Amino acid sequence: MSNLKIERINSYDYQIIGDDVDIQVTSFDLYSTKPIAKIRGTGSRKIRSHVPELLREFLKEEREQKRQLLQDEAKKYCSNPPSISPGKIYLVTVSYGTDGRGYDDDTITSDRFMDYENTNRHLERNQVIHVEEAVIQNTDIFSIGSFIGSGRGELVRKEERFFVLLNGIKLTGLALKEMAQEGFRFFTLFRDNRRLSSIEEEARKFDLGEIRSITGMVGEEKEVAHINMLERFRKEVIRAKAAQP
């Protein structure tokens, strides 16, 4: 089987070519108990039993090549890193991501918002492909993750620029920039891709009784149940809009 050549057609389909062999494998899924959905072409019967192992080896080699290329690219970029400054938030393309199943994948890149310290740490570890200062509007909404974990209740109680909204701890772009300048560490940071107007509409519907909850009070969120999070949200949005250039 060493004379066979394998080519990827798309995400799940492959072409296998060799002596008296020219077949197409359709919908190969490495994670399935029956990985091959369909195989056809010249020599398909002769090599059918070998196809799963052939493709597993092909995918293993392909993955290693992708991983090595990303490692080389990141090492080259980080050997001459851009100048970054404390108090800034950066959009960082890192040399790893998730594979859609919740597992880390070092053959793909992903974009992350990071504070200065986190960006610098990734640069030192040769995990960065590109860095640029993030463009943040004052009225953007960001999340520092779901409201699960020790100390989060105390954090939200003390810092009034945070509000618990739609199952997460949120803040405006204005508050994010302020807190970055103050040296606050953002270990996880995500931009809410919804328009602010749509979030405000959800809040309006809650006031009218059209929806039952907008804060998603579960788990540790009960620790701050006495705080009017919609009031905080609206206060911060007003402040952010007033500060828009």
Protein backbone atom coordinates (compact mmCIF):
# COMPACT_ATOMS: atom_id res chain seq x y z
CA MET A 1 0.00 0.00 0.00
CA SER A 2 3.04 2.27 0.12
CA ASN A 3 2.65 3.29 -3.53
CA LEU A 4 -0.74 4.86 -2.94
CA LYS A 5 -1.15 8.63 -3.09
CA ILE A 6 -3.88 10.29 -1.01
CA GLU A 7 -5.29 13.73 -1.73
CA ARG A 8 -7.90 15.67 0.20
CA ILE A 9 -10.87 16.81 -1.87
CA ASN A 10 -12.67 18.67 0.91
CA SER A 11 -13.28 18.35 4.65
CA TYR A 12 -14.52 14.75 4.51
CA ASP A 13 -13.80 13.43 1.00
CA TYR A 14 -10.52 11.96 -0.30
CA GLN A 15 -9.01 10.62 -3.51
CA ILE A 16 -6.70 7.57 -3.38
CA ILE A 17 -4.59 6.85 -6.47
CA GLY A 18 -2.02 4.11 -7.20
CA ASP A 19 -1.36 1.03 -9.35
CA ASP A 20 -4.78 -0.13 -10.59
CA VAL A 21 -6.38 2.08 -7.92
CA ASP A 22 -8.35 5.26 -8.43
CA ILE A 23 -11.03 5.62 -5.79
CA GLN A 24 -12.96 8.33 -4.02
CA VAL A 25 -13.86 8.04 -0.36
CA THR A 26 -16.91 10.06 0.64
CA SER A 27 -17.70 11.35 4.15
CA PHE A 28 -14.79 9.80 6.01
CA ASP A 29 -15.18 10.56 9.72
CA LEU A 30 -12.24 9.62 11.91
CA TYR A 31 -14.37 9.79 15.06
CA SER A 32 -17.17 7.50 13.85
CA THR A 33 -17.43 3.78 14.62
CA LYS A 34 -18.14 3.34 10.90
CA PRO A 35 -15.86 5.99 9.41
CA ILE A 36 -16.48 5.36 5.70
CA ALA A 37 -19.86 6.35 4.32
CA LYS A 38 -19.11 5.52 0.68
CA ILE A 39 -16.18 4.30 -1.43
CA ARG A 40 -16.20 3.93 -5.20
CA GLY A 41 -13.85 3.66 -8.15
CA THR A 42 -11.23 1.34 -9.62
CA GLY A 43 -9.71 -1.01 -7.06
CA SER A 44 -12.16 -0.11 -4.29
CA ARG A 45 -12.81 -3.75 -3.39
CA LYS A 46 -9.09 -4.58 -3.32
CA ILE A 47 -8.12 -1.93 -0.76
CA ARG A 48 -11.41 -1.29 1.02
CA SER A 49 -10.33 -2.94 4.27
CA HIS A 50 -7.13 -0.86 4.34
CA VAL A 51 -8.76 2.51 3.69
CA PRO A 52 -9.57 3.52 7.31
CA GLU A 53 -5.97 2.96 8.43
CA LEU A 54 -4.57 4.65 5.31
CA LEU A 55 -6.66 7.74 5.95
CA ARG A 56 -5.86 7.76 9.66
CA GLU A 57 -2.15 7.85 8.83
CA PHE A 58 -2.74 10.52 6.19
CA LEU A 59 -4.64 12.68 8.70
CA LYS A 60 -1.96 12.14 11.32
CA GLU A 61 0.76 13.33 8.94
CA GLU A 62 -1.39 16.20 7.69
CA ARG A 63 -2.06 17.33 11.25
CA GLU A 64 1.62 17.22 12.16
CA GLN A 65 2.52 19.30 9.10
CA LYS A 66 -0.11 21.91 9.98
CA ARG A 67 1.02 21.99 13.61
CA GLN A 68 4.66 22.40 12.63
CA LEU A 69 3.89 25.17 10.14
CA LEU A 70 1.97 27.11 12.78
CA GLN A 71 4.72 26.60 15.33
CA ASP A 72 7.31 27.87 12.87
CA GLU A 73 5.18 30.87 11.93
CA ALA A 74 4.54 31.77 15.56
CA LYS A 75 8.19 31.37 16.52
CA LYS A 76 9.25 33.64 13.66
CA TYR A 77 6.65 36.28 14.57
CA CYS A 78 7.50 36.20 18.28
CA SER A 79 11.23 36.44 17.61
CA ASN A 80 10.64 40.06 16.59
CA PRO A 81 7.42 40.97 18.42
CA PRO A 82 5.58 44.28 18.04
CA SER A 83 5.78 46.88 20.77
CA ILE A 84 2.87 46.58 23.21
CA SER A 85 1.97 48.77 26.17
CA PRO A 86 0.36 48.21 29.57
CA GLY A 87 -3.21 49.42 29.82
CA LYS A 88 -4.16 48.36 26.30
CA ILE A 89 -6.43 45.60 25.00
CA TYR A 90 -5.13 43.65 22.03
CA LEU A 91 -6.67 41.44 19.38
CA VAL A 92 -4.30 38.48 19.25
CA THR A 93 -4.22 35.71 16.68
CA VAL A 94 -2.90 32.69 18.56
CA SER A 95 -1.54 29.44 17.17
CA TYR A 96 -4.27 27.27 18.67
CA GLY A 97 -8.04 27.04 18.76
CA THR A 98 -10.84 24.60 19.49
CA ASP A 99 -11.89 21.85 17.12
CA GLY A 100 -15.64 22.32 17.47
CA ARG A 101 -15.87 19.45 19.94
CA GLY A 102 -14.46 21.46 22.83
CA TYR A 103 -10.89 20.18 22.50
CA ASP A 104 -7.76 22.27 21.95
CA ASP A 105 -6.42 22.08 18.41
CA ASP A 106 -2.90 23.34 17.64
CA THR A 107 -3.39 23.04 13.88
CA ILE A 108 -5.72 26.06 13.61
CA THR A 109 -5.54 29.68 14.69
CA SER A 110 -8.07 31.71 16.65
CA ASP A 111 -8.50 35.36 17.56
CA ARG A 112 -8.61 36.38 21.22
CA PHE A 113 -9.01 39.67 23.06
CA MET A 114 -6.25 39.97 25.64
CA ASP A 115 -4.90 42.46 28.13
CA TYR A 116 -1.25 43.48 28.08
CA GLU A 117 -0.03 40.82 30.52
CA ASN A 118 -1.80 37.96 28.73
CA THR A 119 -0.58 39.18 25.33
CA ASN A 120 2.97 39.42 26.59
CA ARG A 121 2.78 35.92 28.08
CA HIS A 122 1.65 34.46 24.75
CA LEU A 123 4.46 36.27 22.94
CA GLU A 124 7.01 34.86 25.37
CA ARG A 125 5.62 31.36 24.77
CA ASN A 126 5.79 31.69 20.97
CA GLN A 127 2.02 31.23 20.63
CA VAL A 128 1.22 34.35 18.61
CA ILE A 129 0.76 34.77 14.86
CA HIS A 130 -0.36 38.41 14.89
CA VAL A 131 -1.07 41.20 17.37
CA GLU A 132 -2.85 44.48 16.92
CA GLU A 133 -4.43 46.93 19.31
CA ALA A 134 -8.14 46.19 19.51
CA VAL A 135 -10.56 48.77 18.13
CA ILE A 136 -13.12 49.16 20.90
CA GLN A 137 -16.16 51.39 20.80
CA ASN A 138 -17.39 52.73 24.12
CA THR A 139 -20.82 51.16 23.57
CA ASP A 140 -19.48 47.70 22.68
CA ILE A 141 -20.48 45.00 25.16
CA PHE A 142 -17.90 42.51 26.39
CA SER A 143 -18.10 39.47 28.63
CA ILE A 144 -15.50 38.14 31.04
CA GLY A 145 -17.18 34.74 31.04
CA SER A 146 -20.04 32.98 32.74
CA PHE A 147 -20.75 33.73 36.37
CA ILE A 148 -19.21 30.53 37.71
CA GLY A 149 -16.18 30.33 39.98
CA SER A 150 -14.93 31.38 43.37
CA GLY A 151 -14.76 35.07 44.09
CA ARG A 152 -16.95 36.15 41.18
CA GLY A 153 -19.80 37.26 43.43
CA GLU A 154 -17.48 39.48 45.45
CA LEU A 155 -15.98 40.85 42.23
CA VAL A 156 -19.37 41.88 40.86
CA ARG A 157 -20.55 43.32 44.18
CA LYS A 158 -17.49 45.55 44.48
CA GLU A 159 -17.11 46.65 40.86
CA GLU A 160 -20.24 48.51 39.74
CA ARG A 161 -19.07 48.71 36.14
CA PHE A 162 -19.81 44.98 35.85
CA PHE A 163 -23.36 43.77 35.32
CA VAL A 164 -24.69 40.22 35.20
CA LEU A 165 -26.69 39.93 32.01
CA LEU A 166 -27.78 36.99 29.85
CA ASN A 167 -25.80 34.40 31.86
CA GLY A 168 -22.51 36.24 32.00
CA ILE A 169 -20.52 39.02 33.62
CA LYS A 170 -20.54 41.93 31.18
CA LEU A 171 -19.10 45.41 30.82
CA THR A 172 -19.13 48.15 28.22
CA GLY A 173 -16.22 48.98 25.96
CA LEU A 174 -15.75 52.21 27.91
CA ALA A 175 -15.45 50.31 31.21
CA LEU A 176 -13.11 47.80 29.57
CA LYS A 177 -10.72 50.52 28.44
CA GLU A 178 -10.90 52.23 31.83
CA MET A 179 -10.22 49.04 33.76
CA ALA A 180 -7.37 48.05 31.44
CA GLN A 181 -5.73 51.39 32.20
CA GLU A 182 -6.25 50.69 35.90
CA GLY A 183 -4.39 47.38 35.58
CA PHE A 184 -7.35 45.00 35.91
CA ARG A 185 -6.51 41.51 34.62
CA PHE A 186 -8.90 40.05 32.03
CA PHE A 187 -8.18 36.33 31.94
CA THR A 188 -11.10 35.66 29.56
CA LEU A 189 -12.64 38.31 27.37
CA PHE A 190 -15.22 38.05 24.59
CA ARG A 191 -17.03 40.66 22.52
CA ASP A 192 -20.81 40.29 22.44
CA ASN A 193 -21.54 40.30 18.70
CA ARG A 194 -25.16 41.36 19.13
CA ARG A 195 -26.07 44.98 18.52
CA LEU A 196 -26.49 47.04 21.64
CA SER A 197 -29.98 48.00 20.48
CA SER A 198 -31.05 44.35 20.54
CA ILE A 199 -29.83 43.93 24.12
CA GLU A 200 -31.64 47.13 25.13
CA GLU A 201 -34.79 45.75 23.49
CA GLU A 202 -34.51 42.61 25.62
CA ALA A 203 -34.29 44.82 28.69
CA ARG A 204 -37.38 46.74 27.59
CA LYS A 205 -39.33 43.51 27.12
CA PHE A 206 -38.34 42.41 30.62
CA ASP A 207 -39.69 45.68 32.04
CA LEU A 208 -42.98 45.09 30.21
CA GLY A 209 -43.21 41.54 31.52
CA GLU A 210 -42.91 40.05 28.05
CA ILE A 211 -39.95 37.92 29.15
CA ARG A 212 -39.38 36.49 32.63
CA SER A 213 -35.65 36.99 33.07
CA ILE A 214 -32.75 38.76 31.44
CA THR A 215 -30.11 38.09 34.06
CA GLY A 216 -30.23 34.29 34.05
CA MET A 217 -30.04 33.91 37.81
CA VAL A 218 -28.37 30.54 38.30
CA GLY A 219 -25.66 29.21 40.59
CA GLU A 220 -23.44 31.88 42.09
CA GLU A 221 -25.52 34.60 40.43
CA LYS A 222 -27.87 34.33 43.42
CA GLU A 223 -25.09 35.99 45.42
CA VAL A 224 -25.90 39.29 43.70
CA ALA A 225 -29.68 38.79 43.39
CA HIS A 226 -30.28 41.88 45.52
CA ILE A 227 -28.52 44.11 42.98
CA ASN A 228 -30.55 45.62 40.14
CA MET A 229 -28.42 44.51 37.20
CA LEU A 230 -30.63 46.19 34.61
CA GLU A 231 -30.11 49.46 36.43
CA ARG A 232 -26.37 48.92 36.31
CA PHE A 233 -26.55 47.99 32.63
CA ARG A 234 -28.53 51.09 31.70
CA LYS A 235 -26.31 53.33 33.81
CA GLU A 236 -23.20 52.02 32.10
CA VAL A 237 -24.73 52.32 28.63
CA ILE A 238 -25.71 55.95 29.32
CA ARG A 239 -22.18 56.64 30.52
CA ALA A 240 -20.66 54.91 27.48
CA LYS A 241 -22.88 56.81 25.02
CA ALA A 242 -22.04 60.13 26.66
CA ALA A 243 -18.32 59.39 26.25
CA GLN A 244 -18.56 58.53 22.55
CA PRO A 245 -16.38 60.84 20.45
